[in-house]
Amino acid sequence: FEEGKDDPKVSVIRVTPDETYYWDTKAGKLVSFVTFAAAALTGKKTDNSDGVEGNLHV
């Protein structure tokens, strides 16, 4: 920041979520990517049973 906190080229955005939701896979990023890519190419749905998901209270 050339002019410090008063630099007109810098903006600060504050985000306060009302609700949150998370999803994670147990298989890892590479395996998930390959699974989703295969599903996209074949038109078949993926099996999402190996994932972990839920609401997160903040």
C-alpha atoms as a PDB file:
ATOM      1  CA  PHE A   1       0.000   0.000   0.000  1.00  0.00           C
ATOM      2  CA  GLU A   2       1.811   3.009  -1.268  1.00  0.00           C
ATOM      3  CA  GLU A   3      -0.288   5.570   0.606  1.00  0.00           C
ATOM      4  CA  GLY A   4      -1.121   3.489   3.657  1.00  0.00           C
ATOM      5  CA  LYS A   5      -4.691   2.963   4.815  1.00  0.00           C
ATOM      6  CA  ASP A   6      -5.882   6.071   2.942  1.00  0.00           C
ATOM      7  CA  ASP A   7      -4.759   4.725  -0.472  1.00  0.00           C
ATOM      8  CA  PRO A   8      -7.731   5.198  -2.880  1.00  0.00           C
ATOM      9  CA  LYS A   9      -6.694   2.061  -4.804  1.00  0.00           C
ATOM     10  CA  VAL A  10      -7.303  -0.182  -1.781  1.00  0.00           C
ATOM     11  CA  SER A  11     -10.721  -1.406  -0.596  1.00  0.00           C
ATOM     12  CA  VAL A  12     -11.548  -3.445   2.460  1.00  0.00           C
ATOM     13  CA  ILE A  13     -14.631  -5.648   2.484  1.00  0.00           C
ATOM     14  CA  ARG A  14     -16.050  -7.198   5.632  1.00  0.00           C
ATOM     15  CA  VAL A  15     -18.204 -10.300   5.222  1.00  0.00           C
ATOM     16  CA  THR A  16     -20.396 -11.584   8.023  1.00  0.00           C
ATOM     17  CA  PRO A  17     -22.159 -14.837   7.073  1.00  0.00           C
ATOM     18  CA  ASP A  18     -25.723 -15.492   8.232  1.00  0.00           C
ATOM     19  CA  GLU A  19     -25.328 -19.230   7.777  1.00  0.00           C
ATOM     20  CA  THR A  20     -22.641 -21.614   6.603  1.00  0.00           C
ATOM     21  CA  TYR A  21     -22.559 -25.051   5.011  1.00  0.00           C
ATOM     22  CA  TYR A  22     -19.549 -27.240   4.383  1.00  0.00           C
ATOM     23  CA  TRP A  23     -18.763 -30.274   2.266  1.00  0.00           C
ATOM     24  CA  ASP A  24     -15.571 -32.264   2.264  1.00  0.00           C
ATOM     25  CA  THR A  25     -14.510 -35.501   0.686  1.00  0.00           C
ATOM     26  CA  LYS A  26     -12.722 -38.332   2.402  1.00  0.00           C
ATOM     27  CA  ALA A  27     -11.046 -39.421  -0.838  1.00  0.00           C
ATOM     28  CA  GLY A  28      -8.865 -36.354  -1.439  1.00  0.00           C
ATOM     29  CA  LYS A  29      -8.843 -33.678  -4.113  1.00  0.00           C
ATOM     30  CA  LEU A  30      -7.309 -35.702  -6.949  1.00  0.00           C
ATOM     31  CA  VAL A  31      -9.655 -38.670  -6.567  1.00  0.00           C
ATOM     32  CA  SER A  32     -12.654 -36.328  -6.283  1.00  0.00           C
ATOM     33  CA  PHE A  33     -11.590 -34.444  -9.414  1.00  0.00           C
ATOM     34  CA  VAL A  34     -11.218 -37.668 -11.410  1.00  0.00           C
ATOM     35  CA  THR A  35     -14.593 -38.919 -10.154  1.00  0.00           C
ATOM     36  CA  PHE A  36     -16.375 -35.687 -11.095  1.00  0.00           C
ATOM     37  CA  ALA A  37     -14.598 -35.519 -14.467  1.00  0.00           C
ATOM     38  CA  ALA A  38     -15.638 -39.107 -15.247  1.00  0.00           C
ATOM     39  CA  ALA A  39     -19.222 -38.308 -14.264  1.00  0.00           C
ATOM     40  CA  ALA A  40     -19.220 -35.240 -16.506  1.00  0.00           C
ATOM     41  CA  LEU A  41     -17.903 -37.243 -19.464  1.00  0.00           C
ATOM     42  CA  THR A  42     -20.246 -40.206 -19.019  1.00  0.00           C
ATOM     43  CA  GLY A  43     -23.329 -38.282 -17.887  1.00  0.00           C
ATOM     44  CA  LYS A  44     -23.688 -40.501 -14.824  1.00  0.00           C
ATOM     45  CA  LYS A  45     -24.157 -39.142 -11.312  1.00  0.00           C
ATOM     46  CA  THR A  46     -21.380 -39.436  -8.762  1.00  0.00           C
ATOM     47  CA  ASP A  47     -21.702 -41.384  -5.543  1.00  0.00           C
ATOM     48  CA  ASN A  48     -21.509 -38.688  -2.852  1.00  0.00           C
ATOM     49  CA  SER A  49     -21.744 -41.160   0.018  1.00  0.00           C
ATOM     50  CA  ASP A  50     -18.031 -40.811   0.842  1.00  0.00           C
ATOM     51  CA  GLY A  51     -18.311 -37.119   1.674  1.00  0.00           C
ATOM     52  CA  VAL A  52     -18.781 -35.281   4.942  1.00  0.00           C
ATOM     53  CA  GLU A  53     -21.191 -32.366   5.030  1.00  0.00           C
ATOM     54  CA  GLY A  54     -23.265 -30.288   7.378  1.00  0.00           C
ATOM     55  CA  ASN A  55     -24.147 -26.910   8.802  1.00  0.00           C
ATOM     56  CA  LEU A  56     -21.599 -24.895  10.691  1.00  0.00           C
ATOM     57  CA  HIS A  57     -22.823 -22.490  13.366  1.00  0.00           C
ATOM     58  CA  VAL A  58     -20.810 -19.267  13.616  1.00  0.00           C
END
